[in-house]
Amino acid sequence: MRVLYVDDDRINALLFEETVRFAPGVEIEVAATGAEAVDLARRWRPDLLVVDLHLPDTNGLQLLPHLRKAAGRADLPAYLCTADDAPERTREARAAGYVALWPKPVDLGTVIDELKRRSDGAAGS
């Protein structure tokens, strides 16, 4: 399973990359801006998106439809990450089409469990 992680904070990106190592069969690419993410989505065709809310050139809510279009999948599963107040942002994330909001700092167990669940589901298809 291919995961595109979009976050301009290099420390968060490194932590997420290290977390993914514990989820077998998962490849990861990282983008620091919305423009980089769209380009990667177009070329690499991810199976799952994890997107930070606050990016230097856009925000995660506005970016999602562009990523899905670039990847050629309107149903591409996506998770929004943010340190903002979760209850309000959770509603916005769902309205924008995200599966869920993962508050920062992201719970690594939740990420690993979700990646494994989605990998297992994809393998069973």
Protein backbone atom coordinates (compact mmCIF):
# COMPACT_ATOMS: atom_id res chain seq x y z
CA MET A 1 0.00 0.00 0.00
CA ARG A 2 1.28 3.43 -0.94
CA VAL A 3 0.85 6.30 1.54
CA LEU A 4 1.36 9.93 0.61
CA TYR A 5 2.12 12.02 3.72
CA VAL A 6 1.84 15.79 3.30
CA ASP A 7 3.36 17.98 6.03
CA ASP A 8 5.78 20.92 5.90
CA ASP A 9 7.18 20.08 9.35
CA ARG A 10 10.19 17.87 8.66
CA ILE A 11 10.22 16.44 12.21
CA ASN A 12 6.59 15.31 11.88
CA ALA A 13 7.39 13.80 8.49
CA LEU A 14 10.38 11.88 9.87
CA LEU A 15 8.33 10.57 12.80
CA PHE A 16 5.56 9.46 10.46
CA GLU A 17 8.05 7.77 8.12
CA GLU A 18 9.55 5.88 11.06
CA THR A 19 6.08 4.85 12.26
CA VAL A 20 5.22 3.41 8.85
CA ARG A 21 8.20 1.06 9.14
CA PHE A 22 6.09 -0.93 11.65
CA ALA A 23 3.31 -1.48 9.11
CA PRO A 24 4.39 -4.27 6.74
CA GLY A 25 3.86 -3.74 3.04
CA VAL A 26 3.50 0.04 3.30
CA GLU A 27 5.53 2.42 1.13
CA ILE A 28 5.61 6.13 1.90
CA GLU A 29 6.36 9.32 0.03
CA VAL A 30 6.45 12.72 1.70
CA ALA A 31 5.56 16.14 0.32
CA ALA A 32 6.10 19.45 2.11
CA THR A 33 3.65 21.54 0.06
CA GLY A 34 0.35 21.12 -1.69
CA ALA A 35 2.01 21.56 -5.09
CA GLU A 36 4.55 18.81 -4.35
CA ALA A 37 1.75 16.57 -3.11
CA VAL A 38 -0.32 17.01 -6.27
CA ASP A 39 2.70 16.21 -8.42
CA LEU A 40 3.49 13.09 -6.36
CA ALA A 41 -0.14 11.98 -6.42
CA ARG A 42 -0.17 12.25 -10.21
CA ARG A 43 3.11 10.34 -10.71
CA TRP A 44 3.05 7.83 -7.84
CA ARG A 45 -0.69 7.04 -7.45
CA PRO A 46 -1.00 6.59 -3.66
CA ASP A 47 -3.54 4.28 -2.01
CA LEU A 48 -3.99 6.50 1.05
CA LEU A 49 -3.42 10.14 1.96
CA VAL A 50 -2.39 11.68 5.29
CA VAL A 51 -2.51 15.47 5.04
CA ASP A 52 -1.61 18.24 7.47
CA LEU A 53 -4.18 21.00 7.77
CA HIS A 54 -1.74 23.92 7.63
CA LEU A 55 0.59 23.93 4.63
CA PRO A 56 2.66 26.82 3.26
CA ASP A 57 0.79 27.07 -0.05
CA THR A 58 -2.71 25.79 0.83
CA ASN A 59 -4.61 23.97 3.53
CA GLY A 60 -5.55 20.33 3.80
CA LEU A 61 -9.26 20.99 3.38
CA GLN A 62 -8.78 22.72 0.03
CA LEU A 63 -6.06 20.32 -1.11
CA LEU A 64 -7.98 17.04 -0.86
CA PRO A 65 -10.03 17.27 -4.08
CA HIS A 66 -6.89 18.22 -6.04
CA LEU A 67 -5.00 15.22 -4.66
CA ARG A 68 -7.84 12.85 -5.48
CA LYS A 69 -8.10 14.22 -9.02
CA ALA A 70 -4.33 13.98 -9.55
CA ALA A 71 -4.31 10.38 -8.29
CA GLY A 72 -7.31 9.52 -10.47
CA ARG A 73 -9.40 8.29 -7.54
CA ALA A 74 -12.37 10.23 -6.23
CA ASP A 75 -12.71 7.71 -3.40
CA LEU A 76 -9.06 7.81 -2.28
CA PRO A 77 -9.10 7.42 1.54
CA ALA A 78 -7.58 10.37 3.39
CA TYR A 79 -6.85 11.42 6.95
CA LEU A 80 -6.38 15.00 8.08
CA CYS A 81 -3.77 15.81 10.74
CA THR A 82 -3.74 18.93 12.88
CA ALA A 83 -2.86 20.29 16.30
CA ASP A 84 -5.95 22.54 16.12
CA ASP A 85 -8.97 22.01 18.36
CA ALA A 86 -10.25 18.57 17.34
CA PRO A 87 -14.08 18.83 17.72
CA GLU A 88 -14.52 21.72 15.27
CA ARG A 89 -11.85 20.50 12.90
CA THR A 90 -13.25 16.96 12.92
CA ARG A 91 -16.55 18.26 11.52
CA GLU A 92 -14.71 20.27 8.86
CA ALA A 93 -12.53 17.30 7.94
CA ARG A 94 -15.51 14.99 7.46
CA ALA A 95 -17.38 17.62 5.46
CA ALA A 96 -14.33 17.99 3.19
CA GLY A 97 -14.26 14.23 2.55
CA TYR A 98 -11.68 12.96 5.04
CA VAL A 99 -12.23 9.58 6.71
CA ALA A 100 -11.12 11.00 10.06
CA LEU A 101 -9.00 13.59 11.77
CA TRP A 102 -5.84 12.46 13.55
CA PRO A 103 -4.94 15.05 16.20
CA LYS A 104 -1.27 15.95 16.57
CA PRO A 105 0.75 14.58 18.06
CA VAL A 106 -0.58 11.64 16.06
CA ASP A 107 -1.16 8.48 18.08
CA LEU A 108 1.28 6.05 16.50
CA GLY A 109 -0.73 2.99 17.51
CA THR A 110 -3.79 4.38 15.74
CA VAL A 111 -1.78 5.03 12.57
CA ILE A 112 -0.23 1.56 12.55
CA ASP A 113 -3.56 -0.14 13.24
CA GLU A 114 -5.31 1.79 10.46
CA LEU A 115 -2.53 1.13 7.95
CA LYS A 116 -2.55 -2.58 8.76
CA ARG A 117 -6.36 -2.69 8.55
CA ARG A 118 -6.37 -0.98 5.16
CA SER A 119 -3.47 -3.11 3.89
CA ASP A 120 -5.24 -6.30 4.95
CA GLY A 121 -8.46 -5.11 3.29
CA ALA A 122 -6.63 -4.30 0.06
CA ALA A 123 -4.88 -7.69 0.07
CA GLY A 124 -8.20 -9.45 0.50
CA SER A 125 -9.74 -7.70 -2.52
